[in-house]
N, C-alpha and C. Protein backbone atom coordinates (compact mmCIF):
# COMPACT_ATOMS: atom_id res chain seq x y z
N MET A 1 18.00 -7.35 -7.58
CA MET A 1 16.89 -8.14 -8.09
C MET A 1 16.31 -7.41 -9.29
N ASN A 2 16.77 -7.75 -10.47
CA ASN A 2 16.32 -7.06 -11.67
C ASN A 2 15.02 -7.61 -12.20
N ASP A 3 14.74 -8.86 -11.94
CA ASP A 3 13.54 -9.45 -12.49
C ASP A 3 12.40 -9.36 -11.48
N ARG A 4 11.72 -8.22 -11.50
CA ARG A 4 10.65 -7.99 -10.53
C ARG A 4 9.49 -8.96 -10.71
N ALA A 5 9.19 -9.34 -11.93
CA ALA A 5 8.08 -10.27 -12.16
C ALA A 5 8.34 -11.60 -11.47
N ALA A 6 9.56 -12.12 -11.61
CA ALA A 6 9.91 -13.38 -10.96
C ALA A 6 9.89 -13.23 -9.43
N LEU A 7 10.38 -12.09 -8.95
CA LEU A 7 10.38 -11.84 -7.51
C LEU A 7 8.94 -11.76 -6.99
N ARG A 8 8.07 -11.07 -7.71
CA ARG A 8 6.65 -11.00 -7.30
C ARG A 8 6.07 -12.40 -7.19
N HIS A 9 6.28 -13.20 -8.23
CA HIS A 9 5.74 -14.56 -8.24
C HIS A 9 6.26 -15.36 -7.04
N LYS A 10 7.55 -15.26 -6.79
CA LYS A 10 8.16 -15.99 -5.67
C LYS A 10 7.57 -15.54 -4.33
N LEU A 11 7.42 -14.22 -4.14
CA LEU A 11 6.92 -13.71 -2.87
C LEU A 11 5.44 -14.01 -2.66
N ILE A 12 4.65 -13.94 -3.73
CA ILE A 12 3.23 -14.29 -3.60
C ILE A 12 3.09 -15.75 -3.22
N GLN A 13 3.84 -16.62 -3.88
CA GLN A 13 3.77 -18.05 -3.56
C GLN A 13 4.24 -18.31 -2.12
N ALA A 14 5.31 -17.63 -1.71
CA ALA A 14 5.80 -17.80 -0.34
C ALA A 14 4.74 -17.33 0.67
N ARG A 15 4.03 -16.25 0.34
CA ARG A 15 2.97 -15.76 1.22
C ARG A 15 1.84 -16.79 1.31
N LEU A 16 1.44 -17.33 0.18
CA LEU A 16 0.38 -18.34 0.18
C LEU A 16 0.79 -19.60 0.94
N ASP A 17 2.09 -19.89 0.93
CA ASP A 17 2.60 -21.10 1.58
C ASP A 17 3.00 -20.90 3.05
N LEU A 18 2.86 -19.68 3.57
CA LEU A 18 3.22 -19.48 4.98
C LEU A 18 2.42 -20.46 5.83
N PRO A 19 3.08 -21.35 6.56
CA PRO A 19 2.35 -22.38 7.31
C PRO A 19 1.49 -21.82 8.43
N ASN A 20 1.83 -20.65 8.93
CA ASN A 20 1.10 -20.07 10.06
C ASN A 20 0.52 -18.71 9.68
N ARG A 21 0.08 -18.56 8.44
CA ARG A 21 -0.40 -17.26 7.95
C ARG A 21 -1.56 -16.71 8.79
N LEU A 22 -2.47 -17.57 9.23
CA LEU A 22 -3.60 -17.09 10.04
C LEU A 22 -3.12 -16.53 11.38
N GLU A 23 -2.16 -17.20 11.99
CA GLU A 23 -1.59 -16.71 13.24
C GLU A 23 -0.86 -15.39 13.02
N LEU A 24 -0.10 -15.31 11.92
CA LEU A 24 0.60 -14.06 11.60
C LEU A 24 -0.38 -12.93 11.34
N ALA A 25 -1.50 -13.26 10.71
CA ALA A 25 -2.54 -12.25 10.44
C ALA A 25 -3.12 -11.72 11.75
N GLU A 26 -3.27 -12.56 12.75
CA GLU A 26 -3.76 -12.10 14.05
C GLU A 26 -2.78 -11.11 14.67
N TYR A 27 -1.49 -11.40 14.57
CA TYR A 27 -0.48 -10.48 15.09
C TYR A 27 -0.54 -9.14 14.34
N LEU A 28 -0.68 -9.22 13.02
CA LEU A 28 -0.72 -8.01 12.21
C LEU A 28 -2.00 -7.21 12.48
N GLN A 29 -3.11 -7.89 12.76
CA GLN A 29 -4.34 -7.18 13.16
C GLN A 29 -4.05 -6.32 14.38
N GLU A 30 -3.37 -6.90 15.37
CA GLU A 30 -3.05 -6.17 16.59
C GLU A 30 -2.11 -5.01 16.32
N VAL A 31 -1.09 -5.22 15.50
CA VAL A 31 -0.15 -4.15 15.15
C VAL A 31 -0.91 -2.99 14.51
N LEU A 32 -1.78 -3.30 13.56
CA LEU A 32 -2.54 -2.26 12.86
C LEU A 32 -3.48 -1.54 13.82
N ARG A 33 -4.20 -2.27 14.64
CA ARG A 33 -5.13 -1.63 15.59
C ARG A 33 -4.40 -0.66 16.52
N VAL A 34 -3.26 -1.08 17.05
CA VAL A 34 -2.50 -0.22 17.96
C VAL A 34 -1.94 0.99 17.20
N TRP A 35 -1.43 0.77 16.00
CA TRP A 35 -0.86 1.85 15.20
C TRP A 35 -1.93 2.89 14.88
N LEU A 36 -3.15 2.46 14.60
CA LEU A 36 -4.23 3.37 14.25
C LEU A 36 -4.68 4.24 15.44
N LEU A 37 -4.43 3.79 16.66
CA LEU A 37 -4.87 4.53 17.85
C LEU A 37 -4.35 5.96 17.88
N ARG A 38 -3.14 6.18 17.42
CA ARG A 38 -2.55 7.52 17.49
C ARG A 38 -2.73 8.33 16.22
N ARG A 39 -3.36 7.75 15.22
CA ARG A 39 -3.58 8.44 13.95
C ARG A 39 -4.73 9.43 14.08
N THR A 40 -4.63 10.56 13.40
CA THR A 40 -5.66 11.59 13.47
C THR A 40 -6.55 11.64 12.23
N GLU A 41 -6.19 10.88 11.19
CA GLU A 41 -6.97 10.91 9.96
C GLU A 41 -8.39 10.40 10.22
N LEU A 42 -9.33 10.95 9.45
CA LEU A 42 -10.73 10.53 9.56
C LEU A 42 -11.16 9.67 8.38
N THR A 43 -10.36 9.66 7.31
CA THR A 43 -10.70 8.86 6.13
C THR A 43 -9.50 8.00 5.75
N ILE A 44 -9.76 6.71 5.60
CA ILE A 44 -8.69 5.76 5.26
C ILE A 44 -9.10 4.98 4.02
N GLY A 45 -8.21 4.97 3.04
CA GLY A 45 -8.37 4.11 1.87
C GLY A 45 -7.62 2.81 2.13
N ALA A 46 -8.25 1.70 1.85
CA ALA A 46 -7.64 0.40 2.10
C ALA A 46 -7.71 -0.44 0.83
N TYR A 47 -7.86 -1.75 0.97
CA TYR A 47 -7.89 -2.66 -0.18
C TYR A 47 -8.64 -3.91 0.22
N TRP A 48 -9.16 -4.59 -0.81
CA TRP A 48 -9.78 -5.90 -0.62
C TRP A 48 -8.66 -6.92 -0.77
N PRO A 49 -8.43 -7.80 0.21
CA PRO A 49 -7.29 -8.71 0.14
C PRO A 49 -7.44 -9.77 -0.95
N ILE A 50 -6.35 -9.97 -1.69
CA ILE A 50 -6.29 -11.02 -2.72
C ILE A 50 -4.96 -11.76 -2.57
N LYS A 51 -4.88 -12.94 -3.13
CA LYS A 51 -3.63 -13.71 -3.21
C LYS A 51 -2.90 -13.84 -1.87
N GLY A 52 -3.67 -14.11 -0.83
CA GLY A 52 -3.05 -14.33 0.48
C GLY A 52 -2.66 -13.07 1.21
N GLU A 53 -3.08 -11.89 0.73
CA GLU A 53 -2.76 -10.64 1.42
C GLU A 53 -3.42 -10.60 2.79
N PHE A 54 -2.83 -9.82 3.67
CA PHE A 54 -3.42 -9.54 4.97
C PHE A 54 -4.72 -8.77 4.76
N ASP A 55 -5.75 -9.09 5.54
CA ASP A 55 -7.04 -8.42 5.46
C ASP A 55 -7.10 -7.32 6.53
N PRO A 56 -7.02 -6.03 6.12
CA PRO A 56 -7.04 -4.94 7.10
C PRO A 56 -8.45 -4.56 7.54
N LEU A 57 -9.48 -5.09 6.89
CA LEU A 57 -10.84 -4.61 7.13
C LEU A 57 -11.35 -4.85 8.55
N PRO A 58 -11.05 -5.97 9.22
CA PRO A 58 -11.50 -6.11 10.61
C PRO A 58 -10.94 -5.02 11.53
N ALA A 59 -9.65 -4.71 11.39
CA ALA A 59 -9.05 -3.65 12.22
C ALA A 59 -9.66 -2.30 11.88
N LEU A 60 -9.91 -2.07 10.60
CA LEU A 60 -10.50 -0.79 10.19
C LEU A 60 -11.94 -0.67 10.68
N TYR A 61 -12.66 -1.77 10.64
CA TYR A 61 -14.03 -1.74 11.16
C TYR A 61 -14.03 -1.32 12.63
N ARG A 62 -13.11 -1.90 13.39
CA ARG A 62 -13.02 -1.54 14.81
C ARG A 62 -12.60 -0.08 14.98
N TRP A 63 -11.70 0.41 14.10
CA TRP A 63 -11.28 1.81 14.12
C TRP A 63 -12.47 2.74 13.89
N GLY A 64 -13.36 2.37 12.99
CA GLY A 64 -14.49 3.21 12.65
C GLY A 64 -15.71 3.03 13.52
N GLU A 65 -15.72 1.94 14.29
CA GLU A 65 -16.87 1.62 15.14
C GLU A 65 -17.13 2.75 16.14
N ASP A 66 -18.38 3.15 16.24
CA ASP A 66 -18.79 4.20 17.18
C ASP A 66 -18.17 5.57 16.87
N HIS A 67 -17.66 5.76 15.66
CA HIS A 67 -17.11 7.05 15.22
C HIS A 67 -17.67 7.36 13.84
N PRO A 68 -18.89 7.90 13.76
CA PRO A 68 -19.53 8.11 12.46
C PRO A 68 -18.77 9.07 11.54
N GLU A 69 -17.88 9.88 12.10
CA GLU A 69 -17.11 10.80 11.26
C GLU A 69 -15.96 10.10 10.52
N ARG A 70 -15.64 8.89 10.91
CA ARG A 70 -14.56 8.13 10.26
C ARG A 70 -15.13 7.33 9.09
N ARG A 71 -14.39 7.36 7.97
CA ARG A 71 -14.84 6.61 6.80
C ARG A 71 -13.71 5.75 6.26
N ILE A 72 -14.10 4.59 5.76
CA ILE A 72 -13.19 3.62 5.16
C ILE A 72 -13.57 3.51 3.70
N GLY A 73 -12.56 3.43 2.84
CA GLY A 73 -12.83 3.28 1.42
C GLY A 73 -12.04 2.16 0.80
N LEU A 74 -12.59 1.61 -0.27
CA LEU A 74 -11.89 0.59 -1.07
C LEU A 74 -11.71 1.14 -2.47
N PRO A 75 -10.65 0.67 -3.16
CA PRO A 75 -10.34 1.24 -4.47
C PRO A 75 -11.26 0.74 -5.59
N VAL A 76 -11.48 1.65 -6.52
CA VAL A 76 -12.17 1.35 -7.77
C VAL A 76 -11.26 1.89 -8.87
N VAL A 77 -10.96 1.05 -9.85
CA VAL A 77 -10.04 1.43 -10.92
C VAL A 77 -10.70 2.42 -11.87
N ASP A 78 -9.98 3.51 -12.15
CA ASP A 78 -10.36 4.46 -13.19
C ASP A 78 -9.55 4.05 -14.42
N LYS A 79 -10.19 3.31 -15.33
CA LYS A 79 -9.48 2.75 -16.47
C LYS A 79 -8.88 3.82 -17.37
N ALA A 80 -9.56 4.94 -17.52
CA ALA A 80 -9.08 6.00 -18.42
C ALA A 80 -7.76 6.59 -17.92
N LEU A 81 -7.63 6.77 -16.62
CA LEU A 81 -6.42 7.38 -16.06
C LEU A 81 -5.43 6.36 -15.52
N GLY A 82 -5.86 5.12 -15.34
CA GLY A 82 -4.98 4.11 -14.75
C GLY A 82 -4.70 4.38 -13.29
N THR A 83 -5.65 5.01 -12.62
CA THR A 83 -5.50 5.33 -11.20
C THR A 83 -6.65 4.69 -10.42
N LEU A 84 -6.65 4.92 -9.12
CA LEU A 84 -7.68 4.39 -8.23
C LEU A 84 -8.46 5.54 -7.62
N ARG A 85 -9.75 5.34 -7.48
CA ARG A 85 -10.61 6.22 -6.70
C ARG A 85 -11.08 5.40 -5.52
N PHE A 86 -11.36 6.06 -4.42
CA PHE A 86 -11.77 5.33 -3.23
C PHE A 86 -13.23 5.61 -2.93
N HIS A 87 -13.99 4.51 -2.82
CA HIS A 87 -15.41 4.57 -2.54
C HIS A 87 -15.66 4.05 -1.12
N VAL A 88 -16.60 4.68 -0.43
CA VAL A 88 -16.93 4.30 0.94
C VAL A 88 -17.27 2.81 0.99
N TRP A 89 -16.71 2.14 2.00
CA TRP A 89 -17.00 0.74 2.30
C TRP A 89 -17.44 0.64 3.75
N TYR A 90 -18.36 -0.27 4.00
CA TYR A 90 -18.78 -0.60 5.36
C TYR A 90 -19.24 -2.06 5.33
N PRO A 91 -19.20 -2.76 6.46
CA PRO A 91 -19.65 -4.15 6.46
C PRO A 91 -21.08 -4.25 5.94
N GLY A 92 -21.31 -5.14 5.01
CA GLY A 92 -22.62 -5.33 4.42
C GLY A 92 -22.90 -4.41 3.24
N CYS A 93 -21.94 -3.58 2.90
CA CYS A 93 -22.09 -2.66 1.77
C CYS A 93 -22.27 -3.46 0.48
N PRO A 94 -23.12 -3.00 -0.44
CA PRO A 94 -23.28 -3.72 -1.72
C PRO A 94 -21.94 -3.73 -2.47
N MET A 95 -21.59 -4.88 -3.00
CA MET A 95 -20.31 -5.03 -3.71
C MET A 95 -20.56 -5.62 -5.09
N GLU A 96 -19.58 -5.38 -5.98
CA GLU A 96 -19.57 -5.99 -7.30
C GLU A 96 -18.12 -6.21 -7.69
N GLU A 97 -17.86 -7.09 -8.65
CA GLU A 97 -16.49 -7.34 -9.08
C GLU A 97 -16.06 -6.30 -10.09
N ASP A 98 -14.79 -5.91 -10.00
CA ASP A 98 -14.24 -5.01 -11.01
C ASP A 98 -13.72 -5.83 -12.18
N ALA A 99 -13.07 -5.19 -13.13
CA ALA A 99 -12.58 -5.87 -14.33
C ALA A 99 -11.54 -6.95 -14.01
N TYR A 100 -10.95 -6.89 -12.82
CA TYR A 100 -9.92 -7.86 -12.42
C TYR A 100 -10.49 -8.94 -11.50
N GLY A 101 -11.81 -8.92 -11.29
CA GLY A 101 -12.44 -9.91 -10.43
C GLY A 101 -12.32 -9.62 -8.95
N ILE A 102 -11.93 -8.39 -8.60
CA ILE A 102 -11.77 -8.00 -7.21
C ILE A 102 -13.03 -7.25 -6.77
N PRO A 103 -13.61 -7.62 -5.62
CA PRO A 103 -14.80 -6.92 -5.15
C PRO A 103 -14.54 -5.43 -4.89
N LYS A 104 -15.52 -4.61 -5.25
CA LYS A 104 -15.46 -3.17 -5.02
C LYS A 104 -16.84 -2.70 -4.57
N PRO A 105 -16.88 -1.59 -3.81
CA PRO A 105 -18.17 -1.06 -3.38
C PRO A 105 -19.01 -0.65 -4.60
N LYS A 106 -20.30 -0.90 -4.50
CA LYS A 106 -21.20 -0.57 -5.60
C LYS A 106 -22.03 0.66 -5.21
N ASP A 107 -21.90 1.70 -6.02
CA ASP A 107 -22.73 2.90 -5.87
C ASP A 107 -22.59 3.59 -4.52
N THR A 108 -21.38 3.63 -3.97
CA THR A 108 -21.17 4.38 -2.73
C THR A 108 -20.38 5.65 -3.07
N GLU A 109 -20.35 6.55 -2.12
CA GLU A 109 -19.72 7.86 -2.29
C GLU A 109 -18.20 7.74 -2.51
N VAL A 110 -17.67 8.60 -3.37
CA VAL A 110 -16.23 8.71 -3.61
C VAL A 110 -15.68 9.72 -2.61
N PHE A 111 -14.48 9.47 -2.09
CA PHE A 111 -13.83 10.44 -1.21
C PHE A 111 -12.32 10.37 -1.37
N GLU A 112 -11.65 11.41 -0.92
CA GLU A 112 -10.18 11.47 -0.94
C GLU A 112 -9.67 11.01 0.42
N PRO A 113 -8.96 9.89 0.47
CA PRO A 113 -8.46 9.41 1.77
C PRO A 113 -7.32 10.28 2.30
N GLN A 114 -7.28 10.42 3.60
CA GLN A 114 -6.17 11.12 4.26
C GLN A 114 -5.03 10.15 4.57
N LEU A 115 -5.34 8.86 4.63
CA LEU A 115 -4.36 7.81 4.88
C LEU A 115 -4.68 6.65 3.95
N LEU A 116 -3.66 6.10 3.31
CA LEU A 116 -3.84 4.92 2.48
C LEU A 116 -3.09 3.75 3.10
N LEU A 117 -3.78 2.64 3.27
CA LEU A 117 -3.14 1.37 3.64
C LEU A 117 -2.89 0.64 2.34
N VAL A 118 -1.63 0.34 2.07
CA VAL A 118 -1.21 -0.16 0.77
C VAL A 118 -0.69 -1.59 0.90
N PRO A 119 -1.28 -2.54 0.17
CA PRO A 119 -0.78 -3.91 0.26
C PRO A 119 0.59 -4.02 -0.40
N CYS A 120 1.45 -4.83 0.20
CA CYS A 120 2.80 -5.02 -0.32
C CYS A 120 3.05 -6.49 -0.62
N VAL A 121 3.45 -6.77 -1.85
CA VAL A 121 3.94 -8.10 -2.19
C VAL A 121 5.28 -8.27 -1.50
N GLY A 122 6.08 -7.21 -1.56
CA GLY A 122 7.38 -7.16 -0.90
C GLY A 122 7.69 -5.72 -0.54
N PHE A 123 8.77 -5.52 0.19
CA PHE A 123 9.18 -4.17 0.53
C PHE A 123 10.68 -4.16 0.78
N GLY A 124 11.27 -3.00 0.58
CA GLY A 124 12.70 -2.83 0.77
C GLY A 124 12.98 -1.64 1.64
N PRO A 125 14.24 -1.21 1.66
CA PRO A 125 14.61 -0.08 2.50
C PRO A 125 14.04 1.24 1.97
N CYS A 126 14.03 2.24 2.83
CA CYS A 126 13.68 3.62 2.45
C CYS A 126 12.27 3.78 1.90
N GLY A 127 11.32 3.03 2.42
CA GLY A 127 9.94 3.19 2.00
C GLY A 127 9.58 2.51 0.71
N LEU A 128 10.44 1.68 0.21
CA LEU A 128 10.22 1.03 -1.09
C LEU A 128 9.20 -0.09 -0.98
N ARG A 129 8.24 -0.09 -1.92
CA ARG A 129 7.18 -1.10 -1.96
C ARG A 129 7.24 -1.82 -3.29
N LEU A 130 7.05 -3.13 -3.23
CA LEU A 130 6.90 -3.94 -4.43
C LEU A 130 5.44 -4.37 -4.49
N GLY A 131 4.73 -3.88 -5.51
CA GLY A 131 3.32 -4.23 -5.69
C GLY A 131 3.18 -5.29 -6.77
N TYR A 132 2.04 -5.29 -7.43
CA TYR A 132 1.76 -6.29 -8.45
C TYR A 132 2.28 -5.90 -9.83
N GLY A 133 2.77 -4.68 -9.98
CA GLY A 133 3.39 -4.28 -11.24
C GLY A 133 2.50 -3.51 -12.19
N GLY A 134 1.25 -3.27 -11.81
CA GLY A 134 0.35 -2.53 -12.69
C GLY A 134 0.54 -1.03 -12.62
N GLY A 135 1.17 -0.54 -11.57
CA GLY A 135 1.43 0.88 -11.42
C GLY A 135 0.26 1.71 -10.92
N PHE A 136 -0.87 1.06 -10.61
CA PHE A 136 -2.06 1.80 -10.18
C PHE A 136 -1.78 2.64 -8.94
N MET A 137 -1.16 2.03 -7.93
CA MET A 137 -0.94 2.74 -6.68
C MET A 137 0.04 3.89 -6.85
N ASP A 138 1.13 3.69 -7.58
CA ASP A 138 2.10 4.76 -7.79
C ASP A 138 1.48 5.93 -8.55
N ARG A 139 0.70 5.64 -9.60
CA ARG A 139 0.03 6.72 -10.35
C ARG A 139 -0.99 7.43 -9.47
N THR A 140 -1.70 6.68 -8.64
CA THR A 140 -2.69 7.28 -7.75
C THR A 140 -2.00 8.21 -6.75
N LEU A 141 -0.93 7.74 -6.13
CA LEU A 141 -0.22 8.57 -5.15
C LEU A 141 0.36 9.81 -5.79
N ALA A 142 0.85 9.69 -7.02
CA ALA A 142 1.40 10.85 -7.73
C ALA A 142 0.31 11.87 -8.06
N ALA A 143 -0.92 11.40 -8.25
CA ALA A 143 -2.01 12.28 -8.67
C ALA A 143 -2.78 12.90 -7.50
N LEU A 144 -2.84 12.25 -6.35
CA LEU A 144 -3.65 12.76 -5.24
C LEU A 144 -3.02 14.01 -4.63
N GLN A 145 -3.82 15.07 -4.52
CA GLN A 145 -3.38 16.31 -3.90
C GLN A 145 -4.45 16.77 -2.92
N PRO A 146 -4.14 16.94 -1.67
CA PRO A 146 -2.84 16.68 -1.08
C PRO A 146 -2.58 15.17 -1.01
N ARG A 147 -1.31 14.83 -1.02
CA ARG A 147 -0.93 13.41 -0.97
C ARG A 147 -1.27 12.86 0.41
N PRO A 148 -1.99 11.74 0.46
CA PRO A 148 -2.30 11.14 1.77
C PRO A 148 -1.06 10.49 2.38
N ALA A 149 -1.10 10.32 3.67
CA ALA A 149 -0.09 9.52 4.35
C ALA A 149 -0.25 8.08 3.85
N THR A 150 0.84 7.33 3.82
CA THR A 150 0.78 5.96 3.31
C THR A 150 1.43 4.99 4.28
N ALA A 151 0.80 3.83 4.43
CA ALA A 151 1.36 2.76 5.26
C ALA A 151 1.27 1.47 4.48
N GLY A 152 2.42 0.86 4.24
CA GLY A 152 2.45 -0.45 3.61
C GLY A 152 2.05 -1.51 4.62
N ILE A 153 1.36 -2.52 4.12
CA ILE A 153 0.93 -3.63 4.97
C ILE A 153 1.39 -4.92 4.30
N GLY A 154 2.11 -5.74 5.03
CA GLY A 154 2.56 -7.01 4.47
C GLY A 154 3.20 -7.87 5.55
N TYR A 155 3.56 -9.06 5.15
CA TYR A 155 4.21 -9.98 6.07
C TYR A 155 5.72 -9.79 6.00
N ALA A 156 6.39 -10.03 7.11
CA ALA A 156 7.83 -9.79 7.23
C ALA A 156 8.64 -10.59 6.22
N HIS A 157 8.12 -11.74 5.75
CA HIS A 157 8.88 -12.54 4.79
C HIS A 157 9.15 -11.76 3.50
N GLY A 158 8.38 -10.68 3.26
CA GLY A 158 8.50 -9.92 2.03
C GLY A 158 9.62 -8.90 2.02
N PHE A 159 10.36 -8.76 3.14
CA PHE A 159 11.45 -7.79 3.16
C PHE A 159 12.57 -8.22 2.20
N GLN A 160 12.92 -7.32 1.32
CA GLN A 160 13.97 -7.56 0.33
C GLN A 160 15.03 -6.47 0.47
N PRO A 161 16.08 -6.71 1.25
CA PRO A 161 17.06 -5.65 1.54
C PRO A 161 17.80 -5.13 0.32
N MET A 162 17.85 -5.91 -0.76
CA MET A 162 18.58 -5.49 -1.96
C MET A 162 17.67 -4.87 -3.02
N LEU A 163 16.39 -4.73 -2.73
CA LEU A 163 15.44 -4.16 -3.68
C LEU A 163 15.81 -2.71 -3.97
N LYS A 164 15.83 -2.36 -5.23
CA LYS A 164 16.19 -1.00 -5.67
C LYS A 164 14.95 -0.31 -6.23
N ALA A 165 14.86 0.98 -5.97
CA ALA A 165 13.74 1.78 -6.46
C ALA A 165 13.85 1.97 -7.97
N GLU A 166 12.68 2.04 -8.61
CA GLU A 166 12.61 2.41 -10.01
C GLU A 166 12.09 3.84 -10.07
N ALA A 167 12.22 4.49 -11.21
CA ALA A 167 11.90 5.92 -11.35
C ALA A 167 10.47 6.25 -10.92
N HIS A 168 9.52 5.36 -11.17
CA HIS A 168 8.11 5.63 -10.88
C HIS A 168 7.70 5.29 -9.44
N ASP A 169 8.56 4.62 -8.69
CA ASP A 169 8.21 4.19 -7.34
C ASP A 169 8.00 5.39 -6.41
N VAL A 170 6.88 5.39 -5.70
CA VAL A 170 6.57 6.42 -4.71
C VAL A 170 6.78 5.79 -3.34
N PRO A 171 7.71 6.34 -2.53
CA PRO A 171 7.99 5.71 -1.23
C PRO A 171 6.83 5.82 -0.25
N LEU A 172 6.74 4.82 0.61
CA LEU A 172 5.73 4.78 1.66
C LEU A 172 6.23 5.53 2.89
N ASP A 173 5.29 6.03 3.70
CA ASP A 173 5.64 6.73 4.93
C ASP A 173 5.87 5.78 6.10
N ALA A 174 5.22 4.61 6.05
CA ALA A 174 5.32 3.64 7.15
C ALA A 174 5.18 2.24 6.57
N MET A 175 5.64 1.25 7.32
CA MET A 175 5.50 -0.15 6.92
C MET A 175 5.18 -0.95 8.17
N LEU A 176 4.08 -1.74 8.06
CA LEU A 176 3.64 -2.57 9.18
C LEU A 176 3.68 -4.03 8.78
N THR A 177 4.21 -4.86 9.65
CA THR A 177 4.18 -6.31 9.47
C THR A 177 3.71 -6.94 10.78
N GLU A 178 3.61 -8.26 10.78
CA GLU A 178 3.22 -8.96 12.00
C GLU A 178 4.26 -8.79 13.10
N GLU A 179 5.46 -8.35 12.75
CA GLU A 179 6.52 -8.13 13.74
C GLU A 179 6.47 -6.75 14.34
N GLY A 180 5.64 -5.86 13.80
CA GLY A 180 5.50 -4.52 14.32
C GLY A 180 5.67 -3.47 13.24
N VAL A 181 5.95 -2.25 13.67
CA VAL A 181 6.17 -1.13 12.76
C VAL A 181 7.62 -1.20 12.31
N VAL A 182 7.83 -1.45 11.03
CA VAL A 182 9.19 -1.59 10.49
C VAL A 182 9.83 -0.21 10.40
N TRP A 183 9.09 0.77 9.89
CA TRP A 183 9.50 2.16 9.90
C TRP A 183 8.25 3.02 9.92
N ASP A 184 8.41 4.25 10.40
CA ASP A 184 7.33 5.22 10.40
C ASP A 184 7.97 6.59 10.33
N CYS A 185 7.91 7.21 9.18
CA CYS A 185 8.56 8.51 8.97
C CYS A 185 7.86 9.63 9.73
N ASN A 186 6.61 9.38 10.18
CA ASN A 186 5.86 10.43 10.87
C ASN A 186 5.76 10.17 12.37
N GLY A 187 6.54 9.31 12.89
CA GLY A 187 6.42 9.10 14.33
C GLY A 187 7.03 7.85 14.75
C-alpha cells in the first residue's frame, strides 16, 4: 500500500461507517479497562477522539478514580518543534480548541507520560501504526526520554497486513482493539 493518504481516507470513512461502532466501542472500553488493571504506570497520555476514533477517556477516568496519584493527560501541539506535550486532563477540566479545532486542556500542568495511548487510523504487523500523516506522534516518541510505553487503540477493521514501515515510523509496544489485545511486547 504505497498511497498512505488514500488508505487513511478509506480507513477513516470505513470507521465512520461501521454500523455497530457504538457496540464495538463498548467492547473496546472493556478491553482497555482490563488491560490497564495490570499496568504500573501512574501517568497516561491519551487523546481527544476525532473522526470516529474510539474514546479512551471513560476507561481512563475509571482507572484514575479513587487514585489521586494517577494522572491523565491530553496532547497539546508544540508548533515550533512539531511535537506534542501532555497536559493534565480531568472530567470538567477547562478546555479550548487547538489550531486544528481539537479540544485541549487549558492552563493545566504539563507532565511526561509513562504510558501513551495512541489512536490508530490503521495498524500493521510488528507494532506498525498508521496515523493521520502529520508525524506529531512519531516525532514526540522519538523525543521523549525516557520513552514511554505505547499502546495503539483502534478498531479491528484497521488491520492492514501488507502495511510497510517507513523510516520515521516508531513501533508501538501493544495494540488494543474491540477483539482484544492484538499484541503486547511487554506481557
